[in-house]
Amino acid sequence: MIKWNAYWRLLRFNRPAGTLLLLYPTVWALWIANEGFPPFKLFFLFCIGTILMRAAGCVVNDVADRHIDKHVARTKLRPLTSGEVGLTETFVLLIILLFSALEVVINLPPNCFYLAVVALFLTSIYPFCKRYIKAPQMVLGLAFSLGIPMAYVASDVSLNSGFFILFLINFAWIVAYDTMYAMTDKEDDLKIGVKSTAIYFADYDRLIIGMLLFFLHGLWLCWALVQNAHLGFYGCWFAAALILIYQQKLINKRIPENCFKAFLVSVYYGFVMWLAVVAALF
């Protein structure tokens, strides 16, 4: 009997937040690189590629953490950890995902392939970085930001000042929201020795998250000046600022459930800033 439900959960298709958080920055970059009019083919390929690579990243993470996840309340019932799905099945799924992603990449310019290989490498080592690096979110920040240069390369646009601002915005955003995510499991991670910025930042976690959010949201204004953004951008920018304030309120008492909710709210920030980019270039 095919375990469709278990496979669906293994690939995290039941939790689209991670896919959207990976997709939105890539979409920002596609819109910016193409001055507001990205070709539908590129948009479609990047959407499919993002879905496949996020699913592959989740599988790699679950394989690497299968012995650790059983000690964490939030992850102990994941299909691989609980035994609902076997290791062989998991590797078969991973191979299918990677070959499907390769099919997407070969429809993009050759340089995109090299960036995709780097992204796959960083995604693959990230679970192990949680054992040895005090701030593994830095590695995740790089891995999750590589869709931005891929979008520029695929659009045949040079990596200009706008690109570097966007890359820095996204890197800071990833570190901030994944620290919120890590705050959810902080107590379990301390017991089993898993490292994260939530632990590394210690009592300064909320302050540093706030500083990162303030910094990255301010950088959007720098981008708007470089881009000569239309006025509609600023209305969306203000709405997105309210989302960041709400996130700070959610993590204020470090309640795990609220920290996880704050992480999920990041999806709305990504969407509103996509609208901001569209408005800026309209």
C-alpha atoms as a PDB file:
ATOM      1  CA  MET A   1       0.000   0.000   0.000  1.00  0.00           C
ATOM      2  CA  ILE A   2       1.388   3.400  -1.009  1.00  0.00           C
ATOM      3  CA  LYS A   3       1.674   5.734   1.976  1.00  0.00           C
ATOM      4  CA  TRP A   4       0.542   8.891   0.192  1.00  0.00           C
ATOM      5  CA  ASN A   5      -0.292  10.775   3.384  1.00  0.00           C
ATOM      6  CA  ALA A   6       3.055   9.952   4.986  1.00  0.00           C
ATOM      7  CA  TYR A   7       4.974  10.964   1.847  1.00  0.00           C
ATOM      8  CA  TRP A   8       2.978  14.198   1.674  1.00  0.00           C
ATOM      9  CA  ARG A   9       4.007  15.035   5.237  1.00  0.00           C
ATOM     10  CA  LEU A  10       7.609  13.919   4.703  1.00  0.00           C
ATOM     11  CA  LEU A  11       7.891  16.418   1.838  1.00  0.00           C
ATOM     12  CA  ARG A  12       6.173  19.052   4.031  1.00  0.00           C
ATOM     13  CA  PHE A  13       3.483  19.676   1.444  1.00  0.00           C
ATOM     14  CA  ASN A  14       1.117  19.948   4.415  1.00  0.00           C
ATOM     15  CA  ARG A  15       3.191  22.898   5.691  1.00  0.00           C
ATOM     16  CA  PRO A  16       3.642  25.352   2.804  1.00  0.00           C
ATOM     17  CA  ALA A  17       5.144  28.157   4.908  1.00  0.00           C
ATOM     18  CA  GLY A  18       8.718  27.024   4.283  1.00  0.00           C
ATOM     19  CA  THR A  19       8.147  26.830   0.535  1.00  0.00           C
ATOM     20  CA  LEU A  20       6.655  30.324   0.464  1.00  0.00           C
ATOM     21  CA  LEU A  21       9.520  31.743   2.520  1.00  0.00           C
ATOM     22  CA  LEU A  22      11.928  30.305  -0.033  1.00  0.00           C
ATOM     23  CA  LEU A  23       9.818  31.425  -2.989  1.00  0.00           C
ATOM     24  CA  TYR A  24       9.047  35.054  -2.124  1.00  0.00           C
ATOM     25  CA  PRO A  25      12.653  36.362  -2.248  1.00  0.00           C
ATOM     26  CA  THR A  26      13.144  34.620  -5.588  1.00  0.00           C
ATOM     27  CA  VAL A  27       9.962  36.238  -6.866  1.00  0.00           C
ATOM     28  CA  TRP A  28      11.148  39.627  -5.566  1.00  0.00           C
ATOM     29  CA  ALA A  29      14.337  39.143  -7.567  1.00  0.00           C
ATOM     30  CA  LEU A  30      12.499  38.024 -10.713  1.00  0.00           C
ATOM     31  CA  TRP A  31      10.284  41.108 -10.646  1.00  0.00           C
ATOM     32  CA  ILE A  32      13.188  43.463  -9.970  1.00  0.00           C
ATOM     33  CA  ALA A  33      15.543  41.923 -12.535  1.00  0.00           C
ATOM     34  CA  ASN A  34      12.831  42.103 -15.201  1.00  0.00           C
ATOM     35  CA  GLU A  35      11.655  45.605 -14.241  1.00  0.00           C
ATOM     36  CA  GLY A  36       8.234  44.405 -13.194  1.00  0.00           C
ATOM     37  CA  PHE A  37       7.527  42.078 -16.117  1.00  0.00           C
ATOM     38  CA  PRO A  38       9.140  38.654 -15.597  1.00  0.00           C
ATOM     39  CA  PRO A  39       8.520  36.095 -18.378  1.00  0.00           C
ATOM     40  CA  PHE A  40       5.885  33.570 -17.372  1.00  0.00           C
ATOM     41  CA  LYS A  41       8.221  30.697 -18.249  1.00  0.00           C
ATOM     42  CA  LEU A  42      10.828  31.900 -15.734  1.00  0.00           C
ATOM     43  CA  PHE A  43       8.190  32.474 -13.074  1.00  0.00           C
ATOM     44  CA  PHE A  44       6.779  28.979 -13.609  1.00  0.00           C
ATOM     45  CA  LEU A  45      10.201  27.276 -13.589  1.00  0.00           C
ATOM     46  CA  PHE A  46      11.281  29.023 -10.413  1.00  0.00           C
ATOM     47  CA  CYS A  47       8.004  28.158  -8.673  1.00  0.00           C
ATOM     48  CA  ILE A  48       8.347  24.468  -9.560  1.00  0.00           C
ATOM     49  CA  GLY A  49      12.056  24.459  -8.725  1.00  0.00           C
ATOM     50  CA  THR A  50      11.408  26.041  -5.341  1.00  0.00           C
ATOM     51  CA  ILE A  51       8.746  23.474  -4.446  1.00  0.00           C
ATOM     52  CA  LEU A  52      11.014  20.584  -5.442  1.00  0.00           C
ATOM     53  CA  MET A  53      14.151  21.867  -3.719  1.00  0.00           C
ATOM     54  CA  ARG A  54      12.356  22.777  -0.520  1.00  0.00           C
ATOM     55  CA  ALA A  55      10.893  19.266  -0.403  1.00  0.00           C
ATOM     56  CA  ALA A  56      14.339  17.783  -1.090  1.00  0.00           C
ATOM     57  CA  GLY A  57      15.837  19.933   1.659  1.00  0.00           C
ATOM     58  CA  CYS A  58      13.236  18.667   4.122  1.00  0.00           C
ATOM     59  CA  VAL A  59      14.029  15.059   3.203  1.00  0.00           C
ATOM     60  CA  VAL A  60      17.775  15.639   3.650  1.00  0.00           C
ATOM     61  CA  ASN A  61      17.094  17.323   6.983  1.00  0.00           C
ATOM     62  CA  ASP A  62      14.903  14.450   8.200  1.00  0.00           C
ATOM     63  CA  VAL A  63      17.469  11.831   7.202  1.00  0.00           C
ATOM     64  CA  ALA A  64      20.247  13.697   9.002  1.00  0.00           C
ATOM     65  CA  ASP A  65      18.124  14.392  12.096  1.00  0.00           C
ATOM     66  CA  ARG A  66      16.194  11.119  12.303  1.00  0.00           C
ATOM     67  CA  HIS A  67      17.854  10.123  15.579  1.00  0.00           C
ATOM     68  CA  ILE A  68      17.634  13.634  17.038  1.00  0.00           C
ATOM     69  CA  ASP A  69      14.030  14.397  16.084  1.00  0.00           C
ATOM     70  CA  LYS A  70      12.682  11.639  18.326  1.00  0.00           C
ATOM     71  CA  HIS A  71      13.837  13.684  21.344  1.00  0.00           C
ATOM     72  CA  VAL A  72      12.057  16.874  20.246  1.00  0.00           C
ATOM     73  CA  ALA A  73       8.348  17.185  21.015  1.00  0.00           C
ATOM     74  CA  ARG A  74       7.530  19.035  17.780  1.00  0.00           C
ATOM     75  CA  THR A  75       9.347  16.607  15.470  1.00  0.00           C
ATOM     76  CA  LYS A  76       9.107  13.163  17.077  1.00  0.00           C
ATOM     77  CA  LEU A  77       6.096  12.178  14.962  1.00  0.00           C
ATOM     78  CA  ARG A  78       7.653  13.032  11.602  1.00  0.00           C
ATOM     79  CA  PRO A  79       7.167  10.106   9.165  1.00  0.00           C
ATOM     80  CA  LEU A  80      10.807   9.006   9.018  1.00  0.00           C
ATOM     81  CA  THR A  81      11.516   9.465  12.721  1.00  0.00           C
ATOM     82  CA  SER A  82       8.382   7.601  13.784  1.00  0.00           C
ATOM     83  CA  GLY A  83       9.054   4.707  11.383  1.00  0.00           C
ATOM     84  CA  GLU A  84       5.995   5.442   9.278  1.00  0.00           C
ATOM     85  CA  VAL A  85       8.294   5.757   6.252  1.00  0.00           C
ATOM     86  CA  GLY A  86      11.455   3.695   5.781  1.00  0.00           C
ATOM     87  CA  LEU A  87      14.928   4.992   4.961  1.00  0.00           C
ATOM     88  CA  THR A  88      14.996   3.273   1.554  1.00  0.00           C
ATOM     89  CA  GLU A  89      11.679   4.852   0.561  1.00  0.00           C
ATOM     90  CA  THR A  90      12.995   8.210   1.690  1.00  0.00           C
ATOM     91  CA  PHE A  91      16.093   7.960  -0.495  1.00  0.00           C
ATOM     92  CA  VAL A  92      13.970   6.948  -3.486  1.00  0.00           C
ATOM     93  CA  LEU A  93      11.825  10.036  -2.967  1.00  0.00           C
ATOM     94  CA  LEU A  94      14.937  12.196  -2.658  1.00  0.00           C
ATOM     95  CA  ILE A  95      16.344  10.874  -5.941  1.00  0.00           C
ATOM     96  CA  ILE A  96      13.018  11.559  -7.697  1.00  0.00           C
ATOM     97  CA  LEU A  97      12.970  15.108  -6.330  1.00  0.00           C
ATOM     98  CA  LEU A  98      16.563  15.839  -7.341  1.00  0.00           C
ATOM     99  CA  PHE A  99      16.149  14.502 -10.872  1.00  0.00           C
ATOM    100  CA  SER A 100      12.929  16.502 -11.227  1.00  0.00           C
ATOM    101  CA  ALA A 101      14.744  19.620 -10.020  1.00  0.00           C
ATOM    102  CA  LEU A 102      17.552  18.914 -12.492  1.00  0.00           C
ATOM    103  CA  GLU A 103      14.981  18.856 -15.280  1.00  0.00           C
ATOM    104  CA  VAL A 104      13.930  22.350 -14.220  1.00  0.00           C
ATOM    105  CA  VAL A 105      17.493  23.681 -13.975  1.00  0.00           C
ATOM    106  CA  ILE A 106      18.540  22.467 -17.435  1.00  0.00           C
ATOM    107  CA  ASN A 107      15.823  24.719 -18.848  1.00  0.00           C
ATOM    108  CA  LEU A 108      17.645  27.715 -17.343  1.00  0.00           C
ATOM    109  CA  PRO A 109      20.962  29.315 -18.430  1.00  0.00           C
ATOM    110  CA  PRO A 110      24.067  27.176 -17.634  1.00  0.00           C
ATOM    111  CA  ASN A 111      25.310  29.439 -14.829  1.00  0.00           C
ATOM    112  CA  CYS A 112      22.088  28.735 -12.938  1.00  0.00           C
ATOM    113  CA  PHE A 113      23.173  25.099 -12.727  1.00  0.00           C
ATOM    114  CA  TYR A 114      26.336  26.017 -10.835  1.00  0.00           C
ATOM    115  CA  LEU A 115      24.387  28.172  -8.398  1.00  0.00           C
ATOM    116  CA  ALA A 116      21.897  25.330  -7.925  1.00  0.00           C
ATOM    117  CA  VAL A 117      24.751  22.955  -7.072  1.00  0.00           C
ATOM    118  CA  VAL A 118      26.030  25.397  -4.437  1.00  0.00           C
ATOM    119  CA  ALA A 119      22.505  25.727  -3.019  1.00  0.00           C
ATOM    120  CA  LEU A 120      22.147  21.939  -2.863  1.00  0.00           C
ATOM    121  CA  PHE A 121      25.507  21.626  -1.118  1.00  0.00           C
ATOM    122  CA  LEU A 122      24.614  24.236   1.513  1.00  0.00           C
ATOM    123  CA  THR A 123      21.182  22.683   2.027  1.00  0.00           C
ATOM    124  CA  SER A 124      22.775  19.258   2.492  1.00  0.00           C
ATOM    125  CA  ILE A 125      25.319  20.382   5.085  1.00  0.00           C
ATOM    126  CA  TYR A 126      22.905  22.600   7.023  1.00  0.00           C
ATOM    127  CA  PRO A 127      21.509  19.795   9.260  1.00  0.00           C
ATOM    128  CA  PHE A 128      25.061  18.873  10.263  1.00  0.00           C
ATOM    129  CA  CYS A 129      25.971  22.503  10.917  1.00  0.00           C
ATOM    130  CA  LYS A 130      23.453  22.382  13.764  1.00  0.00           C
ATOM    131  CA  ARG A 131      25.835  19.999  15.527  1.00  0.00           C
ATOM    132  CA  TYR A 132      29.032  22.026  15.161  1.00  0.00           C
ATOM    133  CA  ILE A 133      28.324  25.706  14.382  1.00  0.00           C
ATOM    134  CA  LYS A 134      26.909  28.044  17.015  1.00  0.00           C
ATOM    135  CA  ALA A 135      24.914  30.002  14.442  1.00  0.00           C
ATOM    136  CA  PRO A 136      23.829  27.497  11.744  1.00  0.00           C
ATOM    137  CA  GLN A 137      21.172  29.953  10.582  1.00  0.00           C
ATOM    138  CA  MET A 138      23.999  31.791   8.787  1.00  0.00           C
ATOM    139  CA  VAL A 139      24.427  28.753   6.521  1.00  0.00           C
ATOM    140  CA  LEU A 140      20.673  28.554   5.983  1.00  0.00           C
ATOM    141  CA  GLY A 141      20.672  32.264   5.140  1.00  0.00           C
ATOM    142  CA  LEU A 142      23.146  31.669   2.336  1.00  0.00           C
ATOM    143  CA  ALA A 143      21.358  28.553   1.057  1.00  0.00           C
ATOM    144  CA  PHE A 144      17.927  30.202   1.010  1.00  0.00           C
ATOM    145  CA  SER A 145      19.278  33.363  -0.661  1.00  0.00           C
ATOM    146  CA  LEU A 146      20.779  31.712  -3.734  1.00  0.00           C
ATOM    147  CA  GLY A 147      17.474  31.881  -5.578  1.00  0.00           C
ATOM    148  CA  ILE A 148      18.122  35.629  -5.870  1.00  0.00           C
ATOM    149  CA  PRO A 149      21.318  35.440  -7.975  1.00  0.00           C
ATOM    150  CA  MET A 150      19.739  32.580  -9.924  1.00  0.00           C
ATOM    151  CA  ALA A 151      16.825  34.866 -10.813  1.00  0.00           C
ATOM    152  CA  TYR A 152      19.220  37.580 -11.988  1.00  0.00           C
ATOM    153  CA  VAL A 153      21.337  35.161 -14.016  1.00  0.00           C
ATOM    154  CA  ALA A 154      18.250  33.561 -15.573  1.00  0.00           C
ATOM    155  CA  SER A 155      17.034  37.046 -16.508  1.00  0.00           C
ATOM    156  CA  ASP A 156      20.436  37.911 -18.052  1.00  0.00           C
ATOM    157  CA  VAL A 157      20.885  40.875 -15.707  1.00  0.00           C
ATOM    158  CA  SER A 158      24.177  41.830 -14.047  1.00  0.00           C
ATOM    159  CA  LEU A 159      24.507  41.670 -10.264  1.00  0.00           C
ATOM    160  CA  ASN A 160      24.096  45.385  -9.558  1.00  0.00           C
ATOM    161  CA  SER A 161      23.723  47.386  -6.337  1.00  0.00           C
ATOM    162  CA  GLY A 162      20.027  46.520  -6.164  1.00  0.00           C
ATOM    163  CA  PHE A 163      20.929  42.846  -6.166  1.00  0.00           C
ATOM    164  CA  PHE A 164      23.365  43.178  -3.272  1.00  0.00           C
ATOM    165  CA  ILE A 165      20.829  45.135  -1.212  1.00  0.00           C
ATOM    166  CA  LEU A 166      18.195  42.475  -1.894  1.00  0.00           C
ATOM    167  CA  PHE A 167      20.584  39.647  -1.008  1.00  0.00           C
ATOM    168  CA  LEU A 168      21.475  41.314   2.302  1.00  0.00           C
ATOM    169  CA  ILE A 169      17.801  41.954   3.080  1.00  0.00           C
ATOM    170  CA  ASN A 170      16.954  38.316   2.554  1.00  0.00           C
ATOM    171  CA  PHE A 171      19.954  36.998   4.480  1.00  0.00           C
ATOM    172  CA  ALA A 172      19.034  39.100   7.532  1.00  0.00           C
ATOM    173  CA  TRP A 173      15.368  38.112   7.187  1.00  0.00           C
ATOM    174  CA  ILE A 174      16.199  34.397   7.158  1.00  0.00           C
ATOM    175  CA  VAL A 175      18.405  34.643  10.245  1.00  0.00           C
ATOM    176  CA  ALA A 176      15.638  36.581  12.025  1.00  0.00           C
ATOM    177  CA  TYR A 177      12.704  34.318  11.206  1.00  0.00           C
ATOM    178  CA  ASP A 178      14.637  31.082  11.653  1.00  0.00           C
ATOM    179  CA  THR A 179      15.764  32.283  15.069  1.00  0.00           C
ATOM    180  CA  MET A 180      12.071  32.651  15.934  1.00  0.00           C
ATOM    181  CA  TYR A 181      11.588  29.101  14.657  1.00  0.00           C
ATOM    182  CA  ALA A 182      14.514  27.865  16.763  1.00  0.00           C
ATOM    183  CA  MET A 183      13.062  29.538  19.859  1.00  0.00           C
ATOM    184  CA  THR A 184      10.204  27.044  19.562  1.00  0.00           C
ATOM    185  CA  ASP A 185      12.540  24.099  20.207  1.00  0.00           C
ATOM    186  CA  LYS A 186      15.094  25.864  22.392  1.00  0.00           C
ATOM    187  CA  GLU A 187      14.563  23.797  25.545  1.00  0.00           C
ATOM    188  CA  ASP A 188      14.722  20.480  23.674  1.00  0.00           C
ATOM    189  CA  ASP A 189      17.765  21.625  21.686  1.00  0.00           C
ATOM    190  CA  LEU A 190      19.616  22.535  24.875  1.00  0.00           C
ATOM    191  CA  LYS A 191      19.030  19.035  26.246  1.00  0.00           C
ATOM    192  CA  ILE A 192      20.286  17.193  23.168  1.00  0.00           C
ATOM    193  CA  GLY A 193      23.097  19.558  22.178  1.00  0.00           C
ATOM    194  CA  VAL A 194      21.666  20.985  18.949  1.00  0.00           C
ATOM    195  CA  LYS A 195      22.959  24.492  18.239  1.00  0.00           C
ATOM    196  CA  SER A 196      21.007  27.492  16.982  1.00  0.00           C
ATOM    197  CA  THR A 197      21.002  31.279  17.062  1.00  0.00           C
ATOM    198  CA  ALA A 198      18.151  31.089  19.589  1.00  0.00           C
ATOM    199  CA  ILE A 199      20.666  29.490  21.983  1.00  0.00           C
ATOM    200  CA  TYR A 200      23.692  31.479  20.807  1.00  0.00           C
ATOM    201  CA  PHE A 201      21.944  34.847  21.213  1.00  0.00           C
ATOM    202  CA  ALA A 202      20.804  33.756  24.712  1.00  0.00           C
ATOM    203  CA  ASP A 203      18.943  36.542  26.544  1.00  0.00           C
ATOM    204  CA  TYR A 204      19.585  38.912  23.651  1.00  0.00           C
ATOM    205  CA  ASP A 205      17.521  36.834  21.200  1.00  0.00           C
ATOM    206  CA  ARG A 206      14.558  39.211  21.043  1.00  0.00           C
ATOM    207  CA  LEU A 207      16.802  42.272  20.834  1.00  0.00           C
ATOM    208  CA  ILE A 208      18.909  40.845  18.012  1.00  0.00           C
ATOM    209  CA  ILE A 209      15.819  39.705  16.107  1.00  0.00           C
ATOM    210  CA  GLY A 210      14.414  43.213  16.485  1.00  0.00           C
ATOM    211  CA  MET A 211      17.662  44.765  15.254  1.00  0.00           C
ATOM    212  CA  LEU A 212      17.781  42.431  12.257  1.00  0.00           C
ATOM    213  CA  LEU A 213      14.182  43.231  11.329  1.00  0.00           C
ATOM    214  CA  PHE A 214      14.772  46.973  11.735  1.00  0.00           C
ATOM    215  CA  PHE A 215      17.928  46.727   9.631  1.00  0.00           C
ATOM    216  CA  LEU A 216      16.428  44.712   6.785  1.00  0.00           C
ATOM    217  CA  HIS A 217      13.251  46.762   6.628  1.00  0.00           C
ATOM    218  CA  GLY A 218      15.338  49.929   6.506  1.00  0.00           C
ATOM    219  CA  LEU A 219      17.359  48.432   3.659  1.00  0.00           C
ATOM    220  CA  TRP A 220      14.150  48.224   1.648  1.00  0.00           C
ATOM    221  CA  LEU A 221      14.069  52.029   1.742  1.00  0.00           C
ATOM    222  CA  CYS A 222      17.624  52.092   0.377  1.00  0.00           C
ATOM    223  CA  TRP A 223      16.506  49.772  -2.410  1.00  0.00           C
ATOM    224  CA  ALA A 224      13.502  52.010  -3.114  1.00  0.00           C
ATOM    225  CA  LEU A 225      15.794  55.030  -3.511  1.00  0.00           C
ATOM    226  CA  VAL A 226      18.140  53.150  -5.844  1.00  0.00           C
ATOM    227  CA  GLN A 227      15.141  51.905  -7.817  1.00  0.00           C
ATOM    228  CA  ASN A 228      13.260  55.227  -7.878  1.00  0.00           C
ATOM    229  CA  ALA A 229      10.266  53.314  -6.556  1.00  0.00           C
ATOM    230  CA  HIS A 230       6.741  54.553  -7.167  1.00  0.00           C
ATOM    231  CA  LEU A 231       4.712  55.816  -4.213  1.00  0.00           C
ATOM    232  CA  GLY A 232       2.671  52.627  -3.891  1.00  0.00           C
ATOM    233  CA  PHE A 233       5.775  50.919  -2.539  1.00  0.00           C
ATOM    234  CA  TYR A 234       5.735  52.988   0.637  1.00  0.00           C
ATOM    235  CA  GLY A 235       2.173  52.057   1.575  1.00  0.00           C
ATOM    236  CA  CYS A 236       3.050  48.367   1.371  1.00  0.00           C
ATOM    237  CA  TRP A 237       6.320  49.018   3.201  1.00  0.00           C
ATOM    238  CA  PHE A 238       4.407  50.582   6.098  1.00  0.00           C
ATOM    239  CA  ALA A 239       1.949  47.658   6.225  1.00  0.00           C
ATOM    240  CA  ALA A 240       4.881  45.234   6.309  1.00  0.00           C
ATOM    241  CA  ALA A 241       6.422  47.203   9.186  1.00  0.00           C
ATOM    242  CA  LEU A 242       3.273  46.516  11.220  1.00  0.00           C
ATOM    243  CA  ILE A 243       3.775  42.791  10.601  1.00  0.00           C
ATOM    244  CA  LEU A 244       7.311  43.004  12.008  1.00  0.00           C
ATOM    245  CA  ILE A 245       6.037  44.829  15.091  1.00  0.00           C
ATOM    246  CA  TYR A 246       3.428  42.107  15.596  1.00  0.00           C
ATOM    247  CA  GLN A 247       6.136  39.453  15.402  1.00  0.00           C
ATOM    248  CA  GLN A 248       8.113  41.218  18.114  1.00  0.00           C
ATOM    249  CA  LYS A 249       5.000  41.211  20.281  1.00  0.00           C
ATOM    250  CA  LEU A 250       4.529  37.476  19.709  1.00  0.00           C
ATOM    251  CA  ILE A 251       8.065  36.536  20.788  1.00  0.00           C
ATOM    252  CA  ASN A 252       8.125  38.945  23.730  1.00  0.00           C
ATOM    253  CA  LYS A 253       7.537  36.283  26.399  1.00  0.00           C
ATOM    254  CA  ARG A 254       9.344  33.506  24.503  1.00  0.00           C
ATOM    255  CA  ILE A 255       6.300  31.211  24.639  1.00  0.00           C
ATOM    256  CA  PRO A 256       7.130  28.400  22.154  1.00  0.00           C
ATOM    257  CA  GLU A 257       3.701  28.373  20.505  1.00  0.00           C
ATOM    258  CA  ASN A 258       3.846  32.143  19.969  1.00  0.00           C
ATOM    259  CA  CYS A 259       7.397  31.963  18.642  1.00  0.00           C
ATOM    260  CA  PHE A 260       6.254  29.419  16.076  1.00  0.00           C
ATOM    261  CA  LYS A 261       3.324  31.652  15.179  1.00  0.00           C
ATOM    262  CA  ALA A 262       5.741  34.561  14.732  1.00  0.00           C
ATOM    263  CA  PHE A 263       7.741  32.415  12.331  1.00  0.00           C
ATOM    264  CA  LEU A 264       4.607  31.611  10.313  1.00  0.00           C
ATOM    265  CA  VAL A 265       3.654  35.294  10.166  1.00  0.00           C
ATOM    266  CA  SER A 266       6.858  35.858   8.162  1.00  0.00           C
ATOM    267  CA  VAL A 267       4.963  34.468   5.175  1.00  0.00           C
ATOM    268  CA  TYR A 268       2.706  37.535   5.222  1.00  0.00           C
ATOM    269  CA  TYR A 269       5.723  39.823   5.314  1.00  0.00           C
ATOM    270  CA  GLY A 270       7.151  38.130   2.237  1.00  0.00           C
ATOM    271  CA  PHE A 271       3.843  38.492   0.399  1.00  0.00           C
ATOM    272  CA  VAL A 272       3.325  42.155   1.310  1.00  0.00           C
ATOM    273  CA  MET A 273       6.869  43.011   0.232  1.00  0.00           C
ATOM    274  CA  TRP A 274       6.194  41.250  -3.067  1.00  0.00           C
ATOM    275  CA  LEU A 275       3.243  43.600  -3.491  1.00  0.00           C
ATOM    276  CA  ALA A 276       5.581  46.449  -2.549  1.00  0.00           C
ATOM    277  CA  VAL A 277       8.033  45.451  -5.281  1.00  0.00           C
ATOM    278  CA  VAL A 278       5.216  45.173  -7.824  1.00  0.00           C
ATOM    279  CA  ALA A 279       3.938  48.619  -6.795  1.00  0.00           C
ATOM    280  CA  ALA A 280       7.446  50.087  -6.933  1.00  0.00           C
ATOM    281  CA  LEU A 281       7.920  48.968 -10.519  1.00  0.00           C
ATOM    282  CA  PHE A 282       4.370  49.497 -11.779  1.00  0.00           C
END
